[in-house]
């Protein structure tokens, strides 16, 4: 009897495997599609996004050896501009790290926001992540701009805003960030362009939008 139960269970598993495989494949496809949509809504070209990721990787490897274990440095690249945040032990370390980052090929600008002092504890970094998530959620709630156009980073309660936006979008993002609970200060590193330029970038990435077809008239009898 026990063997019969085991056999039936094995048979059920074999029958279910194709369905389970389909679910896994669907989940993977869904994740890939979501990533594709996120990338498509980025005003940077795919090539620039790749360059930014490469610059971040290179920046992490450009920290001078004598400061690697003494520093907590983060590098965020957006449109070939690098923001450096975190903590270092001295002004000399801060200057040397910036000097090394400026040597990376293709970097347009470096924003050195390193603080002088000991590295922040895990609890502080967890709070920073929480603040970042709150700012992002509030940006979505405004319905006035795409949150994908704004990169939010928090360090020691200081919120940094990066992205390619027009003046109206910049004002909305800054207002949201500075009124979010727990934010100590907002540092604006946004790249502000004209509304015409943001429309051009959106159309270039998403494709020119065509107006929807007019609906057919309805006659009531």
Protein backbone atom coordinates (compact mmCIF):
# COMPACT_ATOMS: atom_id res chain seq x y z
CA UNK A 1 0.00 0.00 0.00
CA UNK A 2 2.84 2.34 0.95
CA UNK A 3 4.62 1.55 -2.33
CA UNK A 4 1.46 2.32 -4.25
CA UNK A 5 1.18 5.72 -2.55
CA UNK A 6 4.81 6.49 -3.37
CA UNK A 7 4.29 5.47 -6.99
CA UNK A 8 1.22 7.69 -7.28
CA UNK A 9 3.13 10.60 -5.75
CA UNK A 10 6.01 10.08 -8.17
CA UNK A 11 3.60 9.95 -11.10
CA UNK A 12 1.92 13.17 -9.96
CA UNK A 13 5.33 14.86 -9.75
CA UNK A 14 6.26 13.75 -13.25
CA UNK A 15 2.95 15.09 -14.59
CA UNK A 16 3.42 18.38 -12.74
CA UNK A 17 7.01 18.99 -13.85
CA UNK A 18 6.16 20.50 -17.27
CA UNK A 19 3.71 22.89 -15.62
CA UNK A 20 6.25 23.83 -12.96
CA UNK A 21 8.87 24.35 -15.63
CA UNK A 22 6.43 26.61 -17.45
CA UNK A 23 5.92 28.67 -14.28
CA UNK A 24 9.67 29.04 -13.78
CA UNK A 25 10.17 30.02 -17.40
CA UNK A 26 7.33 32.52 -17.18
CA UNK A 27 8.83 34.02 -14.04
CA UNK A 28 12.21 34.33 -15.69
CA UNK A 29 10.68 35.88 -18.80
CA UNK A 30 8.71 38.27 -16.63
CA UNK A 31 11.86 39.34 -14.78
CA UNK A 32 13.72 39.84 -18.05
CA UNK A 33 10.83 41.81 -19.48
CA UNK A 34 10.67 44.02 -16.40
CA UNK A 35 14.40 44.68 -16.64
CA UNK A 36 13.97 45.51 -20.32
CA UNK A 37 11.16 47.96 -19.54
CA UNK A 38 13.22 49.62 -16.81
CA UNK A 39 16.12 50.01 -19.23
CA UNK A 40 13.83 51.30 -21.98
CA UNK A 41 12.48 54.04 -19.70
CA UNK A 42 15.99 55.25 -18.89
CA UNK A 43 16.86 58.45 -20.77
CA UNK A 44 20.42 57.24 -21.17
CA UNK A 45 21.22 55.15 -24.21
CA UNK A 46 21.95 51.47 -23.63
CA UNK A 47 25.59 52.16 -24.44
CA UNK A 48 25.79 54.92 -21.82
CA UNK A 49 24.15 52.69 -19.21
CA UNK A 50 26.80 50.06 -19.92
CA UNK A 51 29.55 52.67 -19.70
CA UNK A 52 28.21 53.85 -16.34
CA UNK A 53 28.23 50.33 -14.94
CA UNK A 54 31.79 49.84 -16.20
CA UNK A 55 32.88 53.15 -14.65
CA UNK A 56 31.46 52.13 -11.27
CA UNK A 57 33.39 48.85 -11.44
CA UNK A 58 36.61 50.64 -12.41
CA UNK A 59 36.12 53.27 -9.71
CA UNK A 60 35.92 50.60 -7.01
CA UNK A 61 39.24 49.26 -8.26
CA UNK A 62 40.85 52.71 -8.35
CA UNK A 63 40.81 53.30 -4.60
CA UNK A 64 44.48 53.57 -3.50
CA UNK A 65 45.61 50.41 -1.69
CA UNK A 66 46.52 52.25 1.51
CA UNK A 67 42.94 53.45 1.93
CA UNK A 68 40.96 50.39 0.85
CA UNK A 69 40.52 48.97 4.36
CA UNK A 70 40.17 52.36 6.02
CA UNK A 71 37.50 53.81 3.77
CA UNK A 72 33.85 53.23 2.98
CA UNK A 73 33.53 54.71 -0.50
CA UNK A 74 30.60 54.28 -2.88
CA UNK A 75 30.69 55.20 -6.57
CA UNK A 76 27.53 55.97 -8.51
CA UNK A 77 27.80 56.77 -12.22
CA UNK A 78 25.06 58.40 -14.26
CA UNK A 79 25.54 59.68 -17.81
CA UNK A 80 29.32 59.37 -17.37
CA UNK A 81 29.32 61.51 -14.22
CA UNK A 82 30.53 59.86 -11.03
CA UNK A 83 29.28 60.67 -7.53
CA UNK A 84 31.55 59.58 -4.67
CA UNK A 85 29.93 59.14 -1.27
CA UNK A 86 30.91 57.51 2.00
CA UNK A 87 33.57 58.12 4.60
CA UNK A 88 37.37 58.32 4.51
CA UNK A 89 39.92 58.87 7.32
CA UNK A 90 41.45 62.14 6.06
CA UNK A 91 41.33 65.01 3.57
CA UNK A 92 44.35 63.46 1.88
CA UNK A 93 42.47 60.22 1.29
CA UNK A 94 39.50 62.18 -0.06
CA UNK A 95 41.68 64.08 -2.53
CA UNK A 96 43.66 61.02 -3.64
CA UNK A 97 40.55 58.97 -4.32
CA UNK A 98 39.04 61.77 -6.40
CA UNK A 99 42.29 62.17 -8.33
CA UNK A 100 42.30 58.46 -9.20
CA UNK A 101 38.66 58.48 -10.29
CA UNK A 102 39.27 61.41 -12.64
CA UNK A 103 41.81 59.24 -14.48
CA UNK A 104 39.13 56.80 -15.62
CA UNK A 105 38.57 57.09 -19.35
CA UNK A 106 35.29 58.65 -20.40
CA UNK A 107 34.41 60.29 -17.07
CA UNK A 108 32.89 63.73 -17.70
CA UNK A 109 32.60 64.95 -14.13
CA UNK A 110 33.33 63.84 -10.56
CA UNK A 111 31.27 64.95 -7.55
CA UNK A 112 33.30 64.26 -4.41
CA UNK A 113 30.90 64.06 -1.45
CA UNK A 114 33.10 61.93 0.80
CA UNK A 115 32.84 62.69 4.51
CA UNK A 116 35.86 62.72 6.84
CA UNK A 117 35.49 60.28 9.70
CA UNK A 118 34.92 56.62 10.60
CA UNK A 119 32.81 54.39 8.39
CA UNK A 120 29.11 54.41 9.23
CA UNK A 121 27.75 51.38 11.14
CA UNK A 122 25.39 48.86 9.58
CA UNK A 123 22.38 50.35 11.37
CA UNK A 124 23.04 53.74 9.78
CA UNK A 125 23.35 52.21 6.32
CA UNK A 126 20.11 50.27 6.80
CA UNK A 127 18.37 53.52 7.72
CA UNK A 128 19.82 55.14 4.59
CA UNK A 129 18.41 52.34 2.45
CA UNK A 130 15.02 52.83 4.10
CA UNK A 131 15.10 56.56 3.35
CA UNK A 132 16.01 55.85 -0.28
CA UNK A 133 13.06 53.48 -0.63
CA UNK A 134 10.70 56.08 0.86
CA UNK A 135 11.89 58.80 -1.52
CA UNK A 136 11.50 56.48 -4.52
CA UNK A 137 8.00 55.47 -3.44
CA UNK A 138 6.96 59.10 -2.99
CA UNK A 139 8.34 59.99 -6.42
CA UNK A 140 6.09 57.31 -7.92
CA UNK A 141 3.11 58.61 -5.95
CA UNK A 142 3.45 62.12 -7.39
CA UNK A 143 2.48 60.91 -10.90
CA UNK A 144 4.41 63.93 -12.16
CA UNK A 145 7.53 62.21 -13.41
CA UNK A 146 8.93 58.75 -14.00
CA UNK A 147 10.90 57.47 -11.02
CA UNK A 148 13.17 55.71 -13.53
CA UNK A 149 14.51 59.12 -14.55
CA UNK A 150 15.80 59.82 -11.03
CA UNK A 151 18.57 57.90 -9.28
CA UNK A 152 18.29 58.25 -5.49
CA UNK A 153 21.15 57.56 -3.10
CA UNK A 154 21.28 58.20 0.66
CA UNK A 155 24.38 58.48 2.84
CA UNK A 156 24.24 59.49 6.52
CA UNK A 157 20.71 60.80 5.97
CA UNK A 158 21.82 62.98 3.07
CA UNK A 159 19.86 62.28 -0.11
CA UNK A 160 21.61 62.64 -3.47
CA UNK A 161 19.58 62.99 -6.65
CA UNK A 162 21.00 62.11 -10.06
CA UNK A 163 19.31 61.88 -13.45
CA UNK A 164 18.47 63.65 -16.69
CA UNK A 165 15.41 65.83 -16.07
CA UNK A 166 13.84 69.12 -17.07
CA UNK A 167 13.41 71.99 -14.63
CA UNK A 168 9.85 71.05 -13.67
CA UNK A 169 10.85 67.46 -12.90
CA UNK A 170 13.87 68.63 -10.91
CA UNK A 171 11.68 70.83 -8.71
CA UNK A 172 9.27 67.96 -8.05
CA UNK A 173 12.09 65.53 -7.18
CA UNK A 174 13.80 68.00 -4.85
CA UNK A 175 10.52 68.89 -3.12
CA UNK A 176 9.72 65.21 -2.56
CA UNK A 177 13.19 64.40 -1.21
CA UNK A 178 13.44 67.36 1.19
CA UNK A 179 10.01 66.63 2.71
CA UNK A 180 10.63 62.93 3.28
CA UNK A 181 10.93 61.90 6.93
CA UNK A 182 14.49 61.25 8.07
CA UNK A 183 16.21 63.28 5.35
CA UNK A 184 18.93 65.53 6.79
CA UNK A 185 19.83 67.33 3.56
CA UNK A 186 19.31 67.04 -0.20
CA UNK A 187 22.21 67.34 -2.63
CA UNK A 188 21.12 68.12 -6.17
CA UNK A 189 23.34 66.40 -8.75
CA UNK A 190 20.60 66.36 -11.39
CA UNK A 191 21.47 67.12 -15.01
CA UNK A 192 18.80 69.66 -16.00
CA UNK A 193 17.93 70.02 -19.69
CA UNK A 194 15.06 71.65 -21.56
CA UNK A 195 11.58 70.11 -21.80
CA UNK A 196 12.16 69.75 -25.54
CA UNK A 197 15.30 67.73 -24.83
CA UNK A 198 13.55 65.40 -22.38
CA UNK A 199 10.79 64.82 -24.96
CA UNK A 200 13.40 64.10 -27.60
CA UNK A 201 15.18 61.63 -25.31
CA UNK A 202 11.91 59.92 -24.37
CA UNK A 203 10.86 59.59 -28.00
CA UNK A 204 14.32 58.37 -28.95
CA UNK A 205 14.24 55.63 -26.32
CA UNK A 206 10.58 54.64 -26.47
CA UNK A 207 9.88 55.47 -30.10
CA UNK A 208 7.80 58.36 -31.37
CA UNK A 209 4.33 58.21 -29.94
CA UNK A 210 1.43 58.19 -32.39
CA UNK A 211 -1.97 59.53 -31.33
CA UNK A 212 -4.59 56.83 -30.66
CA UNK A 213 -7.16 56.17 -33.37
CA UNK A 214 -10.39 58.07 -32.92
CA UNK A 215 -13.26 56.07 -31.48
CA UNK A 216 -16.26 55.36 -33.71
CA UNK A 217 -19.39 57.42 -32.92
CA UNK A 218 -22.30 55.83 -31.05
CA UNK A 219 -25.96 56.44 -31.91
CA UNK A 220 -28.61 55.76 -29.29
CA UNK A 221 -31.93 54.31 -30.53
